[in-house]
């Protein structure tokens, strides 16, 4: 009989802390809907006291998302815990996740507290959380560098105070798999309340040394029954344990782990693409499980083997993660019904208005490309469905560029029902377009990052552009995404999308 490993998804909390991955409440809700389809056990929807936007997003998710437990992070402070409860109390399965640092360096340098003070605060605040919420999780932050005996003491006390889940974080990604596995084993052996009260032992591991997934799996082997992770492994610094890697390792190597999860793995690929599109965090081609090359074979000997029997070089089936390429060719003569059926097969349920937007965008691309791939359709959904309200939109773009011509762009935008125009020169055609757009929108922002990649093969491929902007008077970073067979147009779409997001956020 396989042991169940709960999957605690923190994409919307720790994942969003990744520089440049900020999400607005509507985008967080869209990702939460997809996480529910993925069938994660817990969604950590945010840090309620961090901002009004975070609170509103957590509350909306708690009100609308059914299935997973909905959780908010909270420091061991009265105001944090009460704010977290106010956000998650609308859920059928609310959870408060409270934490305090327990490593000597964190207690002395960050908290300026003694171990006795940390112990008392943890116990008092877990008790308060349990008075409000039926499901409380406690984390001793930086457990990987904490004194083991102090860990045993504070964990036992948190359980006695009412915590049902104990999370053991390697907050700075310091430990190695054999160390971390031993730590989990020692905690289970030295805190008798864990077995007496059937407490869930969770792990939350960062990827600073590239060991987050390995450490998480070592913890599972040692007795952990919940793994905290993020889609695509995004998160603070080098990120978190990657959900898709943890889940597919457990699924593929049941012989080693003797475990299972509740994850609907056929939703993995779609979830990965949604998070990538909304955060602007590109998935590297050689990324395990969901990267573009994960199921690609170039070497002749590999290709020959796969053609004979896929299991020669594929330990997972592409279909297992929902990665299937239709044999029905979609082109400019395809109708709405065929497109809707294809979207449905891919797991996208579009209402009438969303389908019409997607169809019109589909026709535009089909006029430029002979065949439309699933990757093209994913971009259509990302651009036409998961968007913020557009204050500005593109009407027309013209550029002049060449070896002996100073690049010039003429940009025409729609703004409040009217067309506005501007010309500008730049170092290149994209730079000229961006200068014209900046002049038209009058948004004072700096471009931090510009990246481009081809979505499909061929010279008629869609080019995907991601940009990051930072408002001159703001700390926040805004992501923009655009795709088109014309890379200049794709660049303009991405830049304008980031500006629209900045304006939308500022208006809230």
Protein backbone atom coordinates (compact mmCIF):
# COMPACT_ATOMS: atom_id res chain seq x y z
CA UNK A 1 0.00 0.00 0.00
CA UNK A 2 1.40 3.37 -1.01
CA UNK A 3 1.78 6.16 1.56
CA UNK A 4 0.11 9.45 0.59
CA UNK A 5 2.36 12.51 0.27
CA UNK A 6 0.44 15.78 0.45
CA UNK A 7 1.46 18.51 -1.98
CA UNK A 8 1.46 22.01 -0.49
CA UNK A 9 1.76 24.54 -3.32
CA UNK A 10 3.31 27.89 -2.45
CA UNK A 11 3.57 29.32 -5.98
CA UNK A 12 1.26 32.19 -5.01
CA UNK A 13 3.25 33.05 -1.88
CA UNK A 14 6.91 32.04 -2.05
CA UNK A 15 6.86 31.71 -5.84
CA UNK A 16 5.54 35.24 -6.23
CA UNK A 17 8.45 36.52 -4.14
CA UNK A 18 10.72 35.71 -7.08
CA UNK A 19 11.98 39.09 -8.41
CA UNK A 20 9.76 40.19 -11.28
CA UNK A 21 7.07 37.55 -10.69
CA UNK A 22 4.51 39.83 -9.05
CA UNK A 23 0.88 38.90 -9.77
CA UNK A 24 -2.30 40.94 -9.42
CA UNK A 25 -5.32 39.46 -7.55
CA UNK A 26 -7.09 38.36 -10.77
CA UNK A 27 -3.98 36.52 -11.99
CA UNK A 28 -3.51 34.84 -8.60
CA UNK A 29 -7.13 33.68 -8.73
CA UNK A 30 -6.63 32.27 -12.24
CA UNK A 31 -3.57 30.30 -11.11
CA UNK A 32 -5.46 29.10 -8.01
CA UNK A 33 -8.23 27.73 -10.25
CA UNK A 34 -5.63 25.79 -12.20
CA UNK A 35 -3.96 24.53 -9.01
CA UNK A 36 -7.36 23.19 -7.93
CA UNK A 37 -7.58 21.32 -11.26
CA UNK A 38 -4.07 20.03 -10.61
CA UNK A 39 -5.54 18.75 -7.32
CA UNK A 40 -2.92 20.06 -4.93
CA UNK A 41 -3.77 19.43 -1.28
CA UNK A 42 -2.98 22.94 -0.02
CA UNK A 43 -2.71 26.32 -1.75
CA UNK A 44 -0.66 28.85 0.18
CA UNK A 45 -2.37 31.84 -1.39
CA UNK A 46 -0.18 34.58 0.05
CA UNK A 47 0.94 36.53 3.09
CA UNK A 48 -2.21 38.33 4.20
CA UNK A 49 -0.60 41.11 6.21
CA UNK A 50 1.95 41.93 3.50
CA UNK A 51 -0.40 44.20 1.52
CA UNK A 52 -4.05 44.92 0.82
CA UNK A 53 -3.62 43.28 -2.59
CA UNK A 54 -2.32 40.08 -1.02
CA UNK A 55 -5.20 40.06 1.47
CA UNK A 56 -7.79 40.61 -1.26
CA UNK A 57 -6.30 37.82 -3.40
CA UNK A 58 -6.27 35.33 -0.51
CA UNK A 59 -9.83 36.24 0.42
CA UNK A 60 -11.06 35.83 -3.18
CA UNK A 61 -9.32 32.47 -3.48
CA UNK A 62 -10.78 31.32 -0.16
CA UNK A 63 -14.26 32.35 -1.31
CA UNK A 64 -14.13 30.86 -4.80
CA UNK A 65 -11.74 27.88 -4.86
CA UNK A 66 -13.09 24.53 -3.70
CA UNK A 67 -11.10 21.37 -3.04
CA UNK A 68 -7.68 22.32 -1.66
CA UNK A 69 -7.08 23.83 1.77
CA UNK A 70 -6.52 27.58 1.44
CA UNK A 71 -3.67 28.87 3.54
CA UNK A 72 -2.10 32.21 4.48
CA UNK A 73 1.35 32.68 5.90
CA UNK A 74 1.70 34.64 9.17
CA UNK A 75 4.54 35.53 11.45
CA UNK A 76 4.09 34.56 15.11
CA UNK A 77 2.48 37.95 15.75
CA UNK A 78 -1.07 38.61 16.87
CA UNK A 79 -1.81 41.07 14.04
CA UNK A 80 -0.44 38.68 11.40
CA UNK A 81 -2.48 35.74 12.63
CA UNK A 82 -5.72 37.70 12.91
CA UNK A 83 -5.22 39.16 9.44
CA UNK A 84 -4.52 35.70 8.03
CA UNK A 85 -7.71 34.35 9.59
CA UNK A 86 -9.77 37.24 8.21
CA UNK A 87 -8.57 36.23 4.72
CA UNK A 88 -8.86 32.42 4.84
CA UNK A 89 -11.96 32.02 7.02
CA UNK A 90 -14.20 31.92 3.93
CA UNK A 91 -12.65 28.65 2.76
CA UNK A 92 -14.26 25.27 3.43
CA UNK A 93 -10.78 24.17 4.54
CA UNK A 94 -8.89 27.17 5.95
CA UNK A 95 -5.33 26.95 7.26
CA UNK A 96 -3.01 29.38 9.04
CA UNK A 97 0.72 28.78 8.54
CA UNK A 98 2.71 30.60 11.22
CA UNK A 99 6.48 30.71 11.56
CA UNK A 100 9.38 32.05 13.59
CA UNK A 101 13.13 31.67 13.05
CA UNK A 102 14.96 29.19 15.25
CA UNK A 103 18.56 29.20 14.01
CA UNK A 104 21.12 30.98 16.23
CA UNK A 105 22.04 33.44 13.46
CA UNK A 106 18.41 34.36 12.75
CA UNK A 107 17.44 34.66 16.42
CA UNK A 108 20.45 36.85 17.23
CA UNK A 109 20.86 38.92 14.06
CA UNK A 110 17.29 39.19 12.70
CA UNK A 111 14.92 38.82 15.63
CA UNK A 112 17.21 40.05 18.44
CA UNK A 113 15.53 37.49 20.68
CA UNK A 114 16.77 34.78 23.01
CA UNK A 115 15.79 31.13 22.43
CA UNK A 116 13.47 31.32 25.46
CA UNK A 117 11.70 34.35 23.99
CA UNK A 118 11.32 32.62 20.62
CA UNK A 119 9.95 29.50 22.32
CA UNK A 120 7.34 31.46 24.30
CA UNK A 121 6.24 33.54 21.31
CA UNK A 122 5.85 30.43 19.15
CA UNK A 123 3.72 28.65 21.76
CA UNK A 124 1.53 31.68 22.50
CA UNK A 125 0.87 32.45 18.83
CA UNK A 126 0.17 28.83 17.84
CA UNK A 127 -2.40 28.76 20.64
CA UNK A 128 -3.97 31.97 19.32
CA UNK A 129 -4.07 30.62 15.76
CA UNK A 130 -5.72 27.41 16.98
CA UNK A 131 -8.45 29.43 18.73
CA UNK A 132 -9.32 30.98 15.36
CA UNK A 133 -8.62 28.26 12.81
CA UNK A 134 -9.14 24.46 12.96
CA UNK A 135 -5.99 23.75 10.92
CA UNK A 136 -2.69 25.33 11.98
CA UNK A 137 0.78 24.68 10.58
CA UNK A 138 3.96 25.77 12.39
CA UNK A 139 7.40 26.31 10.87
CA UNK A 140 10.70 26.82 12.69
CA UNK A 141 12.33 29.00 10.03
CA UNK A 142 15.91 28.08 9.02
CA UNK A 143 15.53 24.68 10.67
CA UNK A 144 18.39 23.40 8.53
CA UNK A 145 20.82 25.56 10.54
CA UNK A 146 19.06 25.30 13.92
CA UNK A 147 20.27 23.46 17.02
CA UNK A 148 18.56 20.03 16.86
CA UNK A 149 17.74 19.91 20.57
CA UNK A 150 16.07 23.33 20.42
CA UNK A 151 14.15 22.16 17.35
CA UNK A 152 12.83 19.08 19.18
CA UNK A 153 11.75 21.26 22.10
CA UNK A 154 9.93 23.96 20.12
CA UNK A 155 8.30 21.47 17.72
CA UNK A 156 6.95 19.41 20.63
CA UNK A 157 5.60 22.56 22.27
CA UNK A 158 3.94 23.74 19.04
CA UNK A 159 2.19 20.37 18.73
CA UNK A 160 1.03 20.57 22.35
CA UNK A 161 -0.28 24.07 21.58
CA UNK A 162 -2.46 22.63 18.79
CA UNK A 163 -0.46 22.61 15.54
CA UNK A 164 -1.49 19.73 13.25
CA UNK A 165 1.32 20.15 10.72
CA UNK A 166 4.98 20.82 11.45
CA UNK A 167 6.96 22.19 8.54
CA UNK A 168 10.75 21.84 8.57
CA UNK A 169 12.26 24.48 6.27
CA UNK A 170 15.73 24.57 4.79
CA UNK A 171 15.20 28.29 4.27
CA UNK A 172 18.56 29.04 2.67
CA UNK A 173 19.10 25.77 0.81
CA UNK A 174 22.13 24.91 2.96
CA UNK A 175 21.74 21.22 3.70
CA UNK A 176 22.59 18.16 1.61
CA UNK A 177 20.16 15.25 1.05
CA UNK A 178 21.77 12.90 3.56
CA UNK A 179 21.89 15.66 6.22
CA UNK A 180 18.31 16.76 5.63
CA UNK A 181 16.95 13.22 5.54
CA UNK A 182 18.73 12.50 8.82
CA UNK A 183 17.31 15.71 10.34
CA UNK A 184 13.74 14.63 9.51
CA UNK A 185 14.37 11.14 10.86
CA UNK A 186 15.83 12.57 14.09
CA UNK A 187 12.88 14.96 14.57
CA UNK A 188 10.39 12.10 14.20
CA UNK A 189 12.37 9.96 16.65
CA UNK A 190 12.94 12.70 19.26
CA UNK A 191 9.50 14.35 19.31
CA UNK A 192 7.12 11.65 20.59
CA UNK A 193 4.03 13.82 20.01
CA UNK A 194 4.48 13.38 16.24
CA UNK A 195 3.54 9.71 16.33
CA UNK A 196 1.18 10.02 19.30
CA UNK A 197 -0.96 12.67 17.56
CA UNK A 198 -0.38 11.57 13.95
CA UNK A 199 1.18 14.91 13.02
CA UNK A 200 1.95 15.74 9.39
CA UNK A 201 5.66 16.41 8.88
CA UNK A 202 6.21 18.82 6.02
CA UNK A 203 9.35 20.14 4.31
CA UNK A 204 10.03 23.41 2.52
CA UNK A 205 13.40 23.45 0.77
CA UNK A 206 15.14 26.18 -1.20
CA UNK A 207 17.35 25.58 -4.19
CA UNK A 208 20.44 27.69 -3.49
CA UNK A 209 22.77 24.73 -4.07
CA UNK A 210 20.48 23.04 -6.62
CA UNK A 211 19.38 20.43 -4.08
CA UNK A 212 15.79 21.43 -3.29
CA UNK A 213 14.13 18.47 -5.03
CA UNK A 214 16.78 15.99 -3.83
CA UNK A 215 16.45 17.23 -0.24
CA UNK A 216 12.64 17.08 -0.39
CA UNK A 217 12.73 13.51 -1.68
CA UNK A 218 15.30 12.51 0.95
CA UNK A 219 12.87 13.88 3.55
CA UNK A 220 10.04 11.80 2.08
CA UNK A 221 12.20 8.70 2.37
CA UNK A 222 12.89 9.66 6.00
CA UNK A 223 9.20 9.97 6.89
CA UNK A 224 7.95 13.40 5.77
CA UNK A 225 4.34 13.28 4.53
CA UNK A 226 3.97 16.75 2.96
CA UNK A 227 6.19 18.58 0.48
CA UNK A 228 5.97 22.35 -0.02
CA UNK A 229 6.89 23.32 -3.57
CA UNK A 230 6.16 25.65 -6.48
CA UNK A 231 5.28 25.33 -10.15
CA UNK A 232 8.46 25.50 -12.26
CA UNK A 233 10.45 25.79 -9.02
CA UNK A 234 10.09 29.59 -8.89
CA UNK A 235 10.67 31.43 -5.63
CA UNK A 236 13.09 33.47 -3.54
CA UNK A 237 16.66 33.61 -4.87
CA UNK A 238 17.33 30.30 -6.69
CA UNK A 239 13.77 29.15 -6.09
CA UNK A 240 11.99 26.27 -4.36
CA UNK A 241 11.58 22.57 -4.91
CA UNK A 242 9.83 22.12 -8.26
CA UNK A 243 6.36 20.58 -7.88
CA UNK A 244 6.47 18.78 -11.22
CA UNK A 245 9.85 17.22 -10.46
CA UNK A 246 8.86 16.04 -6.98
CA UNK A 247 5.54 14.62 -8.17
CA UNK A 248 6.85 12.88 -11.27
CA UNK A 249 9.79 11.40 -9.38
CA UNK A 250 7.41 9.89 -6.83
CA UNK A 251 5.15 8.65 -9.64
CA UNK A 252 7.96 7.27 -11.81
CA UNK A 253 9.93 5.68 -8.95
CA UNK A 254 7.19 4.16 -6.82
CA UNK A 255 9.52 1.21 -6.38
CA UNK A 256 11.89 3.43 -4.39
CA UNK A 257 9.52 5.73 -2.53
CA UNK A 258 6.48 3.49 -2.02
CA UNK A 259 4.41 6.69 -2.09
CA UNK A 260 1.78 8.45 -4.15
CA UNK A 261 0.28 11.94 -4.43
CA UNK A 262 -3.21 13.22 -5.23
CA UNK A 263 -1.90 15.28 -8.17
CA UNK A 264 -3.68 15.02 -11.51
CA UNK A 265 -0.44 14.86 -13.50
CA UNK A 266 -2.20 15.49 -16.82
CA UNK A 267 -2.63 19.11 -15.66
CA UNK A 268 1.09 19.64 -14.98
CA UNK A 269 2.14 21.01 -18.36
CA UNK A 270 -0.78 23.42 -18.64
CA UNK A 271 -0.16 24.68 -15.12
CA UNK A 272 3.51 25.22 -15.93
CA UNK A 273 2.68 27.26 -19.02
CA UNK A 274 0.06 29.34 -17.21
CA UNK A 275 2.46 30.26 -14.41
CA UNK A 276 5.21 31.02 -16.92
CA UNK A 277 2.95 33.25 -19.00
CA UNK A 278 1.48 35.20 -16.09
CA UNK A 279 4.74 35.68 -14.19
CA UNK A 280 6.93 36.21 -17.25
CA UNK A 281 9.38 33.63 -15.84
CA UNK A 282 10.49 31.59 -18.84
CA UNK A 283 10.95 27.83 -18.49
CA UNK A 284 14.44 26.82 -19.61
CA UNK A 285 14.38 24.36 -22.54
CA UNK A 286 16.26 21.65 -20.61
CA UNK A 287 14.06 21.97 -17.51
CA UNK A 288 13.05 18.57 -16.14
CA UNK A 289 9.52 17.37 -16.95
CA UNK A 290 8.12 20.59 -18.49
CA UNK A 291 11.01 22.02 -20.52
CA UNK A 292 10.71 22.20 -24.31
CA UNK A 293 13.43 19.56 -24.66
CA UNK A 294 12.17 17.22 -21.93
CA UNK A 295 10.70 14.81 -24.49
CA UNK A 296 12.80 15.83 -27.51
CA UNK A 297 15.36 13.51 -29.09
CA UNK A 298 18.08 14.69 -31.48
CA UNK A 299 20.83 12.08 -31.33
CA UNK A 300 20.36 9.43 -34.03
CA UNK A 301 20.78 6.50 -31.65
CA UNK A 302 18.14 8.01 -29.33
CA UNK A 303 15.72 8.64 -32.18
CA UNK A 304 16.13 5.07 -33.43
CA UNK A 305 15.48 3.68 -29.97
CA UNK A 306 12.39 5.82 -29.38
CA UNK A 307 10.95 4.86 -32.76
CA UNK A 308 11.35 1.19 -31.84
CA UNK A 309 9.99 1.59 -28.30
CA UNK A 310 9.50 4.88 -26.44
CA UNK A 311 10.59 3.32 -23.14
CA UNK A 312 14.15 2.96 -24.47
CA UNK A 313 14.82 6.65 -23.81
CA UNK A 314 11.65 7.98 -22.13
CA UNK A 315 11.06 7.10 -18.48
CA UNK A 316 7.83 9.14 -18.52
CA UNK A 317 5.14 9.45 -21.15
CA UNK A 318 4.47 12.97 -22.49
CA UNK A 319 0.77 12.21 -22.07
CA UNK A 320 1.33 11.75 -18.32
CA UNK A 321 1.84 15.50 -17.89
CA UNK A 322 -0.81 16.52 -20.42
CA UNK A 323 1.66 17.14 -23.23
CA UNK A 324 -0.03 15.91 -26.40
CA UNK A 325 0.16 17.24 -29.94
CA UNK A 326 -3.06 17.00 -31.91
CA UNK A 327 -3.10 15.05 -35.15
CA UNK A 328 -5.90 17.33 -36.38
CA UNK A 329 -4.35 20.24 -38.25
CA UNK A 330 -5.82 23.62 -37.39
CA UNK A 331 -5.57 26.32 -40.03
CA UNK A 332 -7.34 29.43 -41.27
CA UNK A 333 -10.30 27.40 -42.56
CA UNK A 334 -11.00 25.86 -39.16
CA UNK A 335 -14.15 27.09 -37.42
CA UNK A 336 -15.01 28.06 -33.88
CA UNK A 337 -16.30 24.58 -33.01
CA UNK A 338 -13.05 22.91 -34.03
CA UNK A 339 -11.07 25.49 -32.08
CA UNK A 340 -13.29 25.14 -29.01
CA UNK A 341 -12.94 21.35 -29.17
CA UNK A 342 -9.16 21.66 -29.36
CA UNK A 343 -9.05 24.07 -26.42
CA UNK A 344 -11.28 21.68 -24.47
CA UNK A 345 -8.95 18.77 -25.27
CA UNK A 346 -6.08 20.88 -23.96
CA UNK A 347 -8.02 21.55 -20.76
CA UNK A 348 -9.10 25.15 -21.43
CA UNK A 349 -12.80 25.81 -20.88
CA UNK A 350 -13.47 29.18 -22.53
CA UNK A 351 -16.76 31.03 -22.26
CA UNK A 352 -18.38 32.57 -25.33
CA UNK A 353 -16.59 35.93 -25.08
CA UNK A 354 -13.19 34.38 -24.36
CA UNK A 355 -13.63 31.94 -27.26
CA UNK A 356 -14.48 34.77 -29.64
CA UNK A 357 -11.36 36.71 -28.60
CA UNK A 358 -9.25 33.59 -28.99
CA UNK A 359 -10.81 32.82 -32.38
CA UNK A 360 -10.11 36.28 -33.79
CA UNK A 361 -6.49 36.05 -32.61
CA UNK A 362 -6.32 32.52 -34.07
CA UNK A 363 -7.42 33.84 -37.48
CA UNK A 364 -4.73 36.52 -37.39
CA UNK A 365 -2.03 33.93 -36.75
CA UNK A 366 -3.52 31.44 -39.24
CA UNK A 367 -3.24 34.06 -41.99
CA UNK A 368 0.52 34.12 -41.37
CA UNK A 369 1.17 30.44 -40.56
CA UNK A 370 0.15 27.31 -42.42
CA UNK A 371 -0.35 25.12 -39.36
CA UNK A 372 -1.21 26.13 -35.80
CA UNK A 373 0.44 24.13 -33.00
CA UNK A 374 -0.60 23.61 -29.39
CA UNK A 375 2.14 25.99 -28.30
CA UNK A 376 0.60 28.65 -30.55
CA UNK A 377 -2.80 28.01 -28.96
CA UNK A 378 -1.31 28.35 -25.47
CA UNK A 379 0.03 31.76 -26.42
CA UNK A 380 -3.40 32.76 -27.74
CA UNK A 381 -5.00 31.85 -24.41
CA UNK A 382 -2.27 33.68 -22.50
CA UNK A 383 -2.67 36.84 -24.58
CA UNK A 384 -6.41 36.97 -25.07
CA UNK A 385 -7.83 35.44 -21.87
CA UNK A 386 -5.38 35.96 -18.99
CA UNK A 387 -4.87 39.70 -19.33
CA UNK A 388 -5.37 42.83 -17.25
CA UNK A 389 -7.69 45.56 -18.57
CA UNK A 390 -5.97 47.45 -21.38
CA UNK A 391 -5.73 51.20 -20.94
CA UNK A 392 -3.63 51.33 -24.09
CA UNK A 393 -3.75 48.95 -27.05
CA UNK A 394 -1.91 48.76 -30.37
CA UNK A 395 -3.55 50.17 -33.47
CA UNK A 396 -0.61 50.25 -35.90
CA UNK A 397 3.18 50.04 -35.91
CA UNK A 398 5.54 50.97 -38.74
CA UNK A 399 9.33 50.75 -38.53
CA UNK A 400 12.24 51.71 -40.77
CA UNK A 401 15.58 50.05 -40.16
CA UNK A 402 18.65 48.94 -42.05
CA UNK A 403 22.44 49.05 -42.23
CA UNK A 404 22.54 52.72 -43.29
CA UNK A 405 19.24 53.94 -41.84
CA UNK A 406 18.71 55.35 -38.37
CA UNK A 407 15.93 53.13 -36.96
CA UNK A 408 12.60 54.93 -36.72
CA UNK A 409 9.22 53.80 -35.44
CA UNK A 410 5.77 55.25 -35.99
CA UNK A 411 3.38 53.97 -33.32
CA UNK A 412 -0.38 54.42 -33.19
CA UNK A 413 -2.24 53.39 -30.00
CA UNK A 414 -5.86 53.29 -28.91
CA UNK A 415 -6.47 55.29 -25.73
CA UNK A 416 -9.96 55.91 -24.35
CA UNK A 417 -11.52 55.27 -27.74
CA UNK A 418 -9.19 57.59 -29.63
CA UNK A 419 -6.06 57.02 -31.70
CA UNK A 420 -2.84 58.68 -30.56
CA UNK A 421 0.35 58.73 -32.63
CA UNK A 422 4.05 59.25 -32.06
CA UNK A 423 7.30 58.77 -33.98
CA UNK A 424 10.68 58.13 -32.40
CA UNK A 425 14.23 57.17 -33.31
CA UNK A 426 16.22 54.52 -31.46
CA UNK A 427 19.34 52.38 -31.42
CA UNK A 428 17.32 49.67 -33.15
CA UNK A 429 13.72 49.12 -34.27
CA UNK A 430 12.59 47.74 -30.89
CA UNK A 431 14.26 50.61 -29.03
CA UNK A 432 12.52 53.10 -31.34
CA UNK A 433 9.13 51.46 -30.77
CA UNK A 434 9.64 51.50 -27.01
CA UNK A 435 10.60 55.16 -27.01
CA UNK A 436 7.48 56.03 -29.00
CA UNK A 437 5.25 54.01 -26.65
CA UNK A 438 6.87 55.60 -23.59
CA UNK A 439 6.23 59.06 -25.03
CA UNK A 440 2.59 58.23 -25.80
CA UNK A 441 1.78 56.65 -22.43
CA UNK A 442 3.85 59.12 -20.37
CA UNK A 443 4.73 56.29 -17.97
CA UNK A 444 7.98 56.95 -16.13
CA UNK A 445 9.53 53.47 -16.04
CA UNK A 446 12.84 51.79 -16.80
CA UNK A 447 13.26 48.58 -18.79
CA UNK A 448 15.06 46.02 -16.60
CA UNK A 449 14.98 42.98 -18.83
CA UNK A 450 14.05 41.97 -22.39
CA UNK A 451 14.04 38.36 -23.55
CA UNK A 452 12.87 36.65 -26.71
CA UNK A 453 12.43 33.06 -27.84
CA UNK A 454 10.82 31.19 -30.72
CA UNK A 455 7.75 29.21 -29.69
CA UNK A 456 7.67 26.79 -32.60
CA UNK A 457 10.04 25.82 -35.40
CA UNK A 458 10.31 27.48 -38.80
CA UNK A 459 10.74 31.02 -40.05
CA UNK A 460 7.01 31.63 -39.53
CA UNK A 461 7.26 30.73 -35.83
CA UNK A 462 5.61 32.83 -33.18
CA UNK A 463 8.20 34.86 -31.34
CA UNK A 464 7.54 35.22 -27.60
CA UNK A 465 8.85 38.31 -25.81
CA UNK A 466 8.96 38.93 -22.07
CA UNK A 467 9.92 42.25 -20.51
CA UNK A 468 10.27 43.56 -16.97
CA UNK A 469 9.68 47.20 -16.11
CA UNK A 470 10.22 49.12 -12.91
CA UNK A 471 8.40 52.35 -12.17
CA UNK A 472 10.81 55.19 -11.44
CA UNK A 473 9.19 55.90 -8.08
CA UNK A 474 8.30 52.30 -7.21
CA UNK A 475 10.02 49.19 -5.96
CA UNK A 476 7.63 46.85 -7.75
CA UNK A 477 8.52 45.11 -11.01
CA UNK A 478 5.93 44.66 -13.75
CA UNK A 479 6.00 41.83 -16.27
CA UNK A 480 4.77 42.03 -19.85
CA UNK A 481 4.33 39.20 -22.33
CA UNK A 482 3.69 39.32 -26.07
CA UNK A 483 3.79 36.95 -29.02
CA UNK A 484 3.54 37.42 -32.77
CA UNK A 485 5.08 36.14 -36.00
CA UNK A 486 6.49 39.69 -36.29
CA UNK A 487 9.02 40.08 -33.50
CA UNK A 488 8.74 43.89 -33.51
CA UNK A 489 5.00 43.58 -32.88
CA UNK A 490 5.59 40.95 -30.20
CA UNK A 491 8.06 43.29 -28.51
CA UNK A 492 5.56 46.14 -28.59
CA UNK A 493 2.82 43.93 -27.14
CA UNK A 494 5.06 42.83 -24.28
CA UNK A 495 6.15 46.38 -23.44
CA UNK A 496 2.61 47.73 -23.59
CA UNK A 497 1.32 44.80 -21.49
CA UNK A 498 3.82 45.70 -18.76
CA UNK A 499 2.76 49.35 -18.90
CA UNK A 500 -0.92 48.38 -18.71
CA UNK A 501 -0.15 46.19 -15.68
CA UNK A 502 1.71 49.09 -14.02
CA UNK A 503 -1.22 51.43 -14.63
CA UNK A 504 -3.75 48.82 -13.51
CA UNK A 505 -1.87 48.18 -10.28
CA UNK A 506 -1.45 51.90 -9.58
CA UNK A 507 -5.20 52.45 -10.00
CA UNK A 508 -6.07 49.87 -7.36
